[in-house]
Amino acid sequence: MKLGIGQLTNSLLSLFLKSNCPLCDRATDAELCPYCQRQLQRCQLKHPSQFWQGELPVFVWGHYGGTLKRAIAALKYENHTQLARPLGFWLGEAWLQSAAAQQTKKLTVIPIPIHPSKRRQRGFNQAELLAESFCQFTGYNYQPQGLERVRETEAQFGLSAKERSQNLTEAFAVGKRFGKRSHHSPVLILDDIYTTGATARSATQVLRQQGIAVYGILAIASSKPGRYL
């Protein structure tokens, strides 16, 4: 994966300097200080599989609020890409402990893509980083080019459910190389945040139209109500 300048800088600095926690600025030898790590883990849902049902089941690691909301913002908008590693690992750990993971062993993980213009501006796609970390933990096949964002869309935040769906019409396409393969293992689509599900449904529809089975959706966080550890 091609790294942005900010990612390379963070990686090089971590080799020579003791870094600070991206959430509280305390000195730490890891991606997070012990205090913030504990705070994040308290955001974990007690039952991450509670939404694993219906035609498009969803597996969510934590509640989108508090320290987890802050961590996702730091990852996406403040270039703290190192946060993708613990978040992806925790999602992978919770997933492998679930009944859904026991039903099939061979899965391909596809991150929700962002438009090339946004990628140039941000320097990375946070869903790709999270998916890569998740696959490092689970051993699943990682396919960052499984989907492409072919149409630039408005930010989903603030739109109604109907507007979200319309906003994503024809926004995705199956990646050229991925679409040419004759055989595919079932797909898990991974995103950072799950809200109304409009993005996940749009991406799923595109894959299924090409005969690619979508096993379900993975997300680090959701604003849907849930019970916590």
C-alpha atoms as a PDB file:
ATOM      1  CA  MET A   1       0.000   0.000   0.000  1.00  0.00           C
ATOM      2  CA  LYS A   2       1.293   3.446  -0.909  1.00  0.00           C
ATOM      3  CA  LEU A   3       1.729   5.569   2.201  1.00  0.00           C
ATOM      4  CA  GLY A   4       1.110   9.298   2.362  1.00  0.00           C
ATOM      5  CA  ILE A   5       3.796  11.723   3.505  1.00  0.00           C
ATOM      6  CA  GLY A   6       2.148  12.099   6.907  1.00  0.00           C
ATOM      7  CA  GLN A   7       2.076   8.340   7.468  1.00  0.00           C
ATOM      8  CA  LEU A   8       5.737   7.983   6.519  1.00  0.00           C
ATOM      9  CA  THR A   9       6.672  10.831   8.833  1.00  0.00           C
ATOM     10  CA  ASN A  10       4.787   9.268  11.756  1.00  0.00           C
ATOM     11  CA  SER A  11       6.431   5.891  11.124  1.00  0.00           C
ATOM     12  CA  LEU A  12       9.950   7.337  10.959  1.00  0.00           C
ATOM     13  CA  LEU A  13       9.501   9.480  14.045  1.00  0.00           C
ATOM     14  CA  SER A  14       8.253   6.499  16.050  1.00  0.00           C
ATOM     15  CA  LEU A  15      11.560   4.760  15.379  1.00  0.00           C
ATOM     16  CA  PHE A  16      13.600   7.478  17.061  1.00  0.00           C
ATOM     17  CA  LEU A  17      11.294   9.258  19.484  1.00  0.00           C
ATOM     18  CA  LYS A  18       8.973   8.205  22.243  1.00  0.00           C
ATOM     19  CA  SER A  19       5.600   9.285  20.870  1.00  0.00           C
ATOM     20  CA  ASN A  20       2.685  10.897  22.642  1.00  0.00           C
ATOM     21  CA  CYS A  21      -0.777   9.413  22.880  1.00  0.00           C
ATOM     22  CA  PRO A  22      -2.868  10.932  20.056  1.00  0.00           C
ATOM     23  CA  LEU A  23      -5.886  11.258  22.338  1.00  0.00           C
ATOM     24  CA  CYS A  24      -4.458  12.756  25.532  1.00  0.00           C
ATOM     25  CA  ASP A  25      -0.833  13.664  24.652  1.00  0.00           C
ATOM     26  CA  ARG A  26       0.665  11.508  27.415  1.00  0.00           C
ATOM     27  CA  ALA A  27       4.004   9.890  26.586  1.00  0.00           C
ATOM     28  CA  THR A  28       3.628   6.290  25.442  1.00  0.00           C
ATOM     29  CA  ASP A  29       5.584   3.500  23.766  1.00  0.00           C
ATOM     30  CA  ALA A  30       2.454   2.172  22.007  1.00  0.00           C
ATOM     31  CA  GLU A  31      -0.223   3.597  19.723  1.00  0.00           C
ATOM     32  CA  LEU A  32      -2.205   4.632  22.815  1.00  0.00           C
ATOM     33  CA  CYS A  33      -1.424   5.263  26.451  1.00  0.00           C
ATOM     34  CA  PRO A  34      -2.832   2.668  28.915  1.00  0.00           C
ATOM     35  CA  TYR A  35      -5.480   5.112  30.174  1.00  0.00           C
ATOM     36  CA  CYS A  36      -6.928   5.857  26.709  1.00  0.00           C
ATOM     37  CA  GLN A  37      -6.738   2.207  25.762  1.00  0.00           C
ATOM     38  CA  ARG A  38      -8.892   1.334  28.774  1.00  0.00           C
ATOM     39  CA  GLN A  39     -11.332   4.131  27.927  1.00  0.00           C
ATOM     40  CA  LEU A  40     -11.646   2.877  24.359  1.00  0.00           C
ATOM     41  CA  GLN A  41     -12.210  -0.710  25.394  1.00  0.00           C
ATOM     42  CA  ARG A  42     -15.052   0.433  27.634  1.00  0.00           C
ATOM     43  CA  CYS A  43     -16.810   1.572  24.443  1.00  0.00           C
ATOM     44  CA  GLN A  44     -16.978  -2.025  23.201  1.00  0.00           C
ATOM     45  CA  LEU A  45     -20.457  -3.445  22.773  1.00  0.00           C
ATOM     46  CA  LYS A  46     -21.307  -6.328  25.056  1.00  0.00           C
ATOM     47  CA  HIS A  47     -22.945  -8.086  22.115  1.00  0.00           C
ATOM     48  CA  PRO A  48     -21.272  -7.034  18.846  1.00  0.00           C
ATOM     49  CA  SER A  49     -23.424  -9.581  16.967  1.00  0.00           C
ATOM     50  CA  GLN A  50     -26.727  -8.049  18.088  1.00  0.00           C
ATOM     51  CA  PHE A  51     -27.256  -6.623  14.569  1.00  0.00           C
ATOM     52  CA  TRP A  52     -26.116  -9.827  12.796  1.00  0.00           C
ATOM     53  CA  GLN A  53     -29.518 -10.647  11.335  1.00  0.00           C
ATOM     54  CA  GLY A  54     -31.626 -10.184   8.236  1.00  0.00           C
ATOM     55  CA  GLU A  55     -30.584 -10.011   4.588  1.00  0.00           C
ATOM     56  CA  LEU A  56     -27.562  -7.823   5.335  1.00  0.00           C
ATOM     57  CA  PRO A  57     -26.225  -8.589   8.836  1.00  0.00           C
ATOM     58  CA  VAL A  58     -23.964  -6.106  10.609  1.00  0.00           C
ATOM     59  CA  PHE A  59     -21.208  -6.731  13.164  1.00  0.00           C
ATOM     60  CA  VAL A  60     -20.238  -3.648  15.182  1.00  0.00           C
ATOM     61  CA  TRP A  61     -17.382  -3.441  17.677  1.00  0.00           C
ATOM     62  CA  GLY A  62     -18.381  -0.370  19.705  1.00  0.00           C
ATOM     63  CA  HIS A  63     -20.678   2.585  20.308  1.00  0.00           C
ATOM     64  CA  TYR A  64     -19.939   5.751  18.355  1.00  0.00           C
ATOM     65  CA  GLY A  65     -19.525   8.127  21.245  1.00  0.00           C
ATOM     66  CA  GLY A  66     -17.063   9.320  23.875  1.00  0.00           C
ATOM     67  CA  THR A  67     -13.475   8.173  23.467  1.00  0.00           C
ATOM     68  CA  LEU A  68     -14.231   5.984  20.440  1.00  0.00           C
ATOM     69  CA  LYS A  69     -15.766   8.906  18.544  1.00  0.00           C
ATOM     70  CA  ARG A  70     -12.697  10.965  19.420  1.00  0.00           C
ATOM     71  CA  ALA A  71     -10.350   8.190  18.251  1.00  0.00           C
ATOM     72  CA  ILE A  72     -12.088   7.833  14.884  1.00  0.00           C
ATOM     73  CA  ALA A  73     -11.925  11.592  14.367  1.00  0.00           C
ATOM     74  CA  ALA A  74      -8.217  11.595  15.243  1.00  0.00           C
ATOM     75  CA  LEU A  75      -7.628   8.793  12.748  1.00  0.00           C
ATOM     76  CA  LYS A  76      -9.588  10.384   9.894  1.00  0.00           C
ATOM     77  CA  TYR A  77      -8.966  14.088  10.282  1.00  0.00           C
ATOM     78  CA  GLU A  78      -5.789  14.474  12.357  1.00  0.00           C
ATOM     79  CA  ASN A  79      -3.586  11.977  10.495  1.00  0.00           C
ATOM     80  CA  HIS A  80      -3.157   9.633  13.468  1.00  0.00           C
ATOM     81  CA  THR A  81      -3.145   6.590  11.209  1.00  0.00           C
ATOM     82  CA  GLN A  82      -1.513   4.447  13.910  1.00  0.00           C
ATOM     83  CA  LEU A  83      -4.922   4.193  15.596  1.00  0.00           C
ATOM     84  CA  ALA A  84      -6.124   1.865  12.839  1.00  0.00           C
ATOM     85  CA  ARG A  85      -3.937  -0.908  14.211  1.00  0.00           C
ATOM     86  CA  PRO A  86      -5.495  -1.383  17.692  1.00  0.00           C
ATOM     87  CA  LEU A  87      -9.010  -0.669  16.413  1.00  0.00           C
ATOM     88  CA  GLY A  88      -8.678  -3.213  13.606  1.00  0.00           C
ATOM     89  CA  PHE A  89      -7.172  -5.786  15.974  1.00  0.00           C
ATOM     90  CA  TRP A  90      -9.975  -5.368  18.529  1.00  0.00           C
ATOM     91  CA  LEU A  91     -12.575  -5.734  15.793  1.00  0.00           C
ATOM     92  CA  GLY A  92     -10.799  -8.869  14.576  1.00  0.00           C
ATOM     93  CA  GLU A  93     -10.599 -10.334  18.076  1.00  0.00           C
ATOM     94  CA  ALA A  94     -14.315  -9.768  18.719  1.00  0.00           C
ATOM     95  CA  TRP A  95     -15.240 -11.148  15.297  1.00  0.00           C
ATOM     96  CA  LEU A  96     -13.290 -14.393  15.691  1.00  0.00           C
ATOM     97  CA  GLN A  97     -15.073 -15.011  18.984  1.00  0.00           C
ATOM     98  CA  SER A  98     -18.505 -14.666  17.346  1.00  0.00           C
ATOM     99  CA  ALA A  99     -20.769 -17.430  16.058  1.00  0.00           C
ATOM    100  CA  ALA A 100     -20.849 -15.734  12.638  1.00  0.00           C
ATOM    101  CA  ALA A 101     -17.104 -16.244  12.256  1.00  0.00           C
ATOM    102  CA  GLN A 102     -17.413 -19.956  13.012  1.00  0.00           C
ATOM    103  CA  GLN A 103     -19.844 -20.567  10.149  1.00  0.00           C
ATOM    104  CA  THR A 104     -17.295 -19.901   7.405  1.00  0.00           C
ATOM    105  CA  LYS A 105     -13.506 -19.811   7.395  1.00  0.00           C
ATOM    106  CA  LYS A 106     -12.734 -18.344   3.972  1.00  0.00           C
ATOM    107  CA  LEU A 107     -13.695 -14.684   3.636  1.00  0.00           C
ATOM    108  CA  THR A 108     -12.531 -11.666   1.657  1.00  0.00           C
ATOM    109  CA  VAL A 109     -12.548  -8.241   3.318  1.00  0.00           C
ATOM    110  CA  ILE A 110     -13.305  -5.180   1.181  1.00  0.00           C
ATOM    111  CA  PRO A 111     -13.101  -1.675   2.684  1.00  0.00           C
ATOM    112  CA  ILE A 112     -15.582   1.000   1.663  1.00  0.00           C
ATOM    113  CA  PRO A 113     -13.643   3.180  -0.805  1.00  0.00           C
ATOM    114  CA  ILE A 114     -13.446   6.954  -0.873  1.00  0.00           C
ATOM    115  CA  HIS A 115     -13.342   9.040  -4.033  1.00  0.00           C
ATOM    116  CA  PRO A 116      -9.850   9.611  -5.510  1.00  0.00           C
ATOM    117  CA  SER A 117     -10.157  13.375  -4.948  1.00  0.00           C
ATOM    118  CA  LYS A 118     -10.814  12.851  -1.226  1.00  0.00           C
ATOM    119  CA  ARG A 119      -7.989  10.334  -1.028  1.00  0.00           C
ATOM    120  CA  ARG A 120      -5.573  12.865  -2.539  1.00  0.00           C
ATOM    121  CA  GLN A 121      -6.740  15.444  -0.022  1.00  0.00           C
ATOM    122  CA  ARG A 122      -6.592  13.150   3.023  1.00  0.00           C
ATOM    123  CA  GLY A 123      -3.655  11.014   1.913  1.00  0.00           C
ATOM    124  CA  PHE A 124      -5.264   7.699   2.896  1.00  0.00           C
ATOM    125  CA  ASN A 125      -8.557   5.842   3.273  1.00  0.00           C
ATOM    126  CA  GLN A 126      -9.241   5.059   6.934  1.00  0.00           C
ATOM    127  CA  ALA A 127     -11.406   2.052   6.034  1.00  0.00           C
ATOM    128  CA  GLU A 128      -8.467   0.536   4.132  1.00  0.00           C
ATOM    129  CA  LEU A 129      -6.173   0.920   7.136  1.00  0.00           C
ATOM    130  CA  LEU A 130      -8.746  -0.631   9.461  1.00  0.00           C
ATOM    131  CA  ALA A 131      -9.398  -3.503   7.046  1.00  0.00           C
ATOM    132  CA  GLU A 132      -5.679  -4.174   6.657  1.00  0.00           C
ATOM    133  CA  SER A 133      -5.248  -4.360  10.433  1.00  0.00           C
ATOM    134  CA  PHE A 134      -8.349  -6.570  10.756  1.00  0.00           C
ATOM    135  CA  CYS A 135      -6.972  -8.980   8.139  1.00  0.00           C
ATOM    136  CA  GLN A 136      -3.550  -9.070   9.789  1.00  0.00           C
ATOM    137  CA  PHE A 137      -5.284 -10.305  12.945  1.00  0.00           C
ATOM    138  CA  THR A 138      -7.787 -12.714  11.338  1.00  0.00           C
ATOM    139  CA  GLY A 139      -5.743 -13.982   8.392  1.00  0.00           C
ATOM    140  CA  TYR A 140      -8.560 -13.199   5.942  1.00  0.00           C
ATOM    141  CA  ASN A 141      -7.956 -12.188   2.347  1.00  0.00           C
ATOM    142  CA  TYR A 142      -7.570  -8.403   2.103  1.00  0.00           C
ATOM    143  CA  GLN A 143      -8.856  -6.821  -1.115  1.00  0.00           C
ATOM    144  CA  PRO A 144      -8.431  -3.021  -0.975  1.00  0.00           C
ATOM    145  CA  GLN A 145      -9.418  -2.623  -4.652  1.00  0.00           C
ATOM    146  CA  GLY A 146     -12.553  -4.756  -4.436  1.00  0.00           C
ATOM    147  CA  LEU A 147     -14.717  -1.658  -4.799  1.00  0.00           C
ATOM    148  CA  GLU A 148     -14.107   1.717  -6.420  1.00  0.00           C
ATOM    149  CA  ARG A 149     -15.772   5.045  -5.700  1.00  0.00           C
ATOM    150  CA  VAL A 150     -16.610   6.239  -9.201  1.00  0.00           C
ATOM    151  CA  ARG A 151     -18.764   9.228  -8.340  1.00  0.00           C
ATOM    152  CA  GLU A 152     -18.002  11.950  -5.818  1.00  0.00           C
ATOM    153  CA  THR A 153     -20.813  12.342  -3.310  1.00  0.00           C
ATOM    154  CA  GLU A 154     -21.866  14.773  -0.620  1.00  0.00           C
ATOM    155  CA  ALA A 155     -20.992  14.030   2.981  1.00  0.00           C
ATOM    156  CA  GLN A 156     -23.676  11.752   4.412  1.00  0.00           C
ATOM    157  CA  PHE A 157     -23.775  13.624   7.716  1.00  0.00           C
ATOM    158  CA  GLY A 158     -26.924  15.727   8.008  1.00  0.00           C
ATOM    159  CA  LEU A 159     -28.796  14.020   5.150  1.00  0.00           C
ATOM    160  CA  SER A 160     -32.099  12.209   5.617  1.00  0.00           C
ATOM    161  CA  ALA A 161     -32.308   8.466   5.001  1.00  0.00           C
ATOM    162  CA  LYS A 162     -33.844   9.064   1.561  1.00  0.00           C
ATOM    163  CA  GLU A 163     -31.211  11.675   0.686  1.00  0.00           C
ATOM    164  CA  ARG A 164     -28.421   9.336   1.802  1.00  0.00           C
ATOM    165  CA  SER A 165     -29.704   6.616  -0.507  1.00  0.00           C
ATOM    166  CA  GLN A 166     -30.059   9.009  -3.458  1.00  0.00           C
ATOM    167  CA  ASN A 167     -26.628  10.475  -2.752  1.00  0.00           C
ATOM    168  CA  LEU A 168     -25.015   7.047  -3.193  1.00  0.00           C
ATOM    169  CA  THR A 169     -26.801   6.053  -6.414  1.00  0.00           C
ATOM    170  CA  GLU A 170     -24.185   4.692  -8.846  1.00  0.00           C
ATOM    171  CA  ALA A 171     -21.393   5.842  -6.518  1.00  0.00           C
ATOM    172  CA  PHE A 172     -19.623   2.450  -6.434  1.00  0.00           C
ATOM    173  CA  ALA A 173     -18.308  -0.032  -8.970  1.00  0.00           C
ATOM    174  CA  VAL A 174     -16.618  -3.402  -8.581  1.00  0.00           C
ATOM    175  CA  GLY A 175     -12.841  -3.054  -8.912  1.00  0.00           C
ATOM    176  CA  LYS A 176     -11.638  -4.010 -12.395  1.00  0.00           C
ATOM    177  CA  ARG A 177      -9.172  -6.687 -11.291  1.00  0.00           C
ATOM    178  CA  PHE A 178     -11.458  -8.049  -8.615  1.00  0.00           C
ATOM    179  CA  GLY A 179     -14.423  -8.240 -10.994  1.00  0.00           C
ATOM    180  CA  LYS A 180     -12.433 -10.284 -13.528  1.00  0.00           C
ATOM    181  CA  ARG A 181     -11.804 -13.136 -11.084  1.00  0.00           C
ATOM    182  CA  SER A 182     -13.928 -16.182 -11.810  1.00  0.00           C
ATOM    183  CA  HIS A 183     -14.243 -17.317  -8.186  1.00  0.00           C
ATOM    184  CA  HIS A 184     -14.765 -15.264  -5.064  1.00  0.00           C
ATOM    185  CA  SER A 185     -15.025 -16.220  -1.432  1.00  0.00           C
ATOM    186  CA  PRO A 186     -17.892 -14.508   0.436  1.00  0.00           C
ATOM    187  CA  VAL A 187     -17.203 -10.845   1.168  1.00  0.00           C
ATOM    188  CA  LEU A 188     -17.187  -8.832   4.386  1.00  0.00           C
ATOM    189  CA  ILE A 189     -17.534  -5.097   3.712  1.00  0.00           C
ATOM    190  CA  LEU A 190     -15.706  -2.986   6.304  1.00  0.00           C
ATOM    191  CA  ASP A 191     -16.285   0.662   7.210  1.00  0.00           C
ATOM    192  CA  ASP A 192     -15.371   2.830  10.173  1.00  0.00           C
ATOM    193  CA  ILE A 193     -18.906   3.944  11.138  1.00  0.00           C
ATOM    194  CA  TYR A 194     -22.304   2.350  10.498  1.00  0.00           C
ATOM    195  CA  THR A 195     -25.292   4.698  10.730  1.00  0.00           C
ATOM    196  CA  THR A 196     -28.346   4.208   8.499  1.00  0.00           C
ATOM    197  CA  GLY A 197     -26.682   1.518   6.384  1.00  0.00           C
ATOM    198  CA  ALA A 198     -27.152   3.431   3.106  1.00  0.00           C
ATOM    199  CA  THR A 199     -23.463   3.164   2.180  1.00  0.00           C
ATOM    200  CA  ALA A 200     -23.307  -0.542   3.022  1.00  0.00           C
ATOM    201  CA  ARG A 201     -26.477  -1.320   1.055  1.00  0.00           C
ATOM    202  CA  SER A 202     -25.248   0.568  -2.008  1.00  0.00           C
ATOM    203  CA  ALA A 203     -21.885  -1.240  -1.963  1.00  0.00           C
ATOM    204  CA  THR A 204     -23.578  -4.602  -1.373  1.00  0.00           C
ATOM    205  CA  GLN A 205     -25.945  -4.119  -4.295  1.00  0.00           C
ATOM    206  CA  VAL A 206     -23.039  -3.463  -6.677  1.00  0.00           C
ATOM    207  CA  LEU A 207     -21.199  -6.602  -5.566  1.00  0.00           C
ATOM    208  CA  ARG A 208     -24.271  -8.834  -5.673  1.00  0.00           C
ATOM    209  CA  GLN A 209     -25.144  -7.621  -9.173  1.00  0.00           C
ATOM    210  CA  GLN A 210     -21.807  -9.128 -10.234  1.00  0.00           C
ATOM    211  CA  GLY A 211     -22.650 -12.425  -8.563  1.00  0.00           C
ATOM    212  CA  ILE A 212     -20.373 -11.811  -5.562  1.00  0.00           C
ATOM    213  CA  ALA A 213     -21.807 -13.027  -2.257  1.00  0.00           C
ATOM    214  CA  VAL A 214     -21.748 -10.511   0.588  1.00  0.00           C
ATOM    215  CA  TYR A 215     -21.608 -12.253   3.958  1.00  0.00           C
ATOM    216  CA  GLY A 216     -22.152  -9.098   6.008  1.00  0.00           C
ATOM    217  CA  ILE A 217     -20.923  -5.711   7.156  1.00  0.00           C
ATOM    218  CA  LEU A 218     -18.196  -4.914   9.680  1.00  0.00           C
ATOM    219  CA  ALA A 219     -17.886  -1.560  11.435  1.00  0.00           C
ATOM    220  CA  ILE A 220     -15.753  -0.195  14.227  1.00  0.00           C
ATOM    221  CA  ALA A 221     -18.619   1.883  15.592  1.00  0.00           C
ATOM    222  CA  SER A 222     -22.324   2.585  15.284  1.00  0.00           C
ATOM    223  CA  SER A 223     -24.595   5.188  16.800  1.00  0.00           C
ATOM    224  CA  LYS A 224     -27.339   2.570  17.138  1.00  0.00           C
ATOM    225  CA  PRO A 225     -28.248   1.803  20.783  1.00  0.00           C
ATOM    226  CA  GLY A 226     -26.608  -1.192  22.382  1.00  0.00           C
ATOM    227  CA  ARG A 227     -25.414  -2.771  25.596  1.00  0.00           C
ATOM    228  CA  TYR A 228     -21.827  -2.416  26.708  1.00  0.00           C
ATOM    229  CA  LEU A 229     -19.231  -4.348  28.636  1.00  0.00           C
END
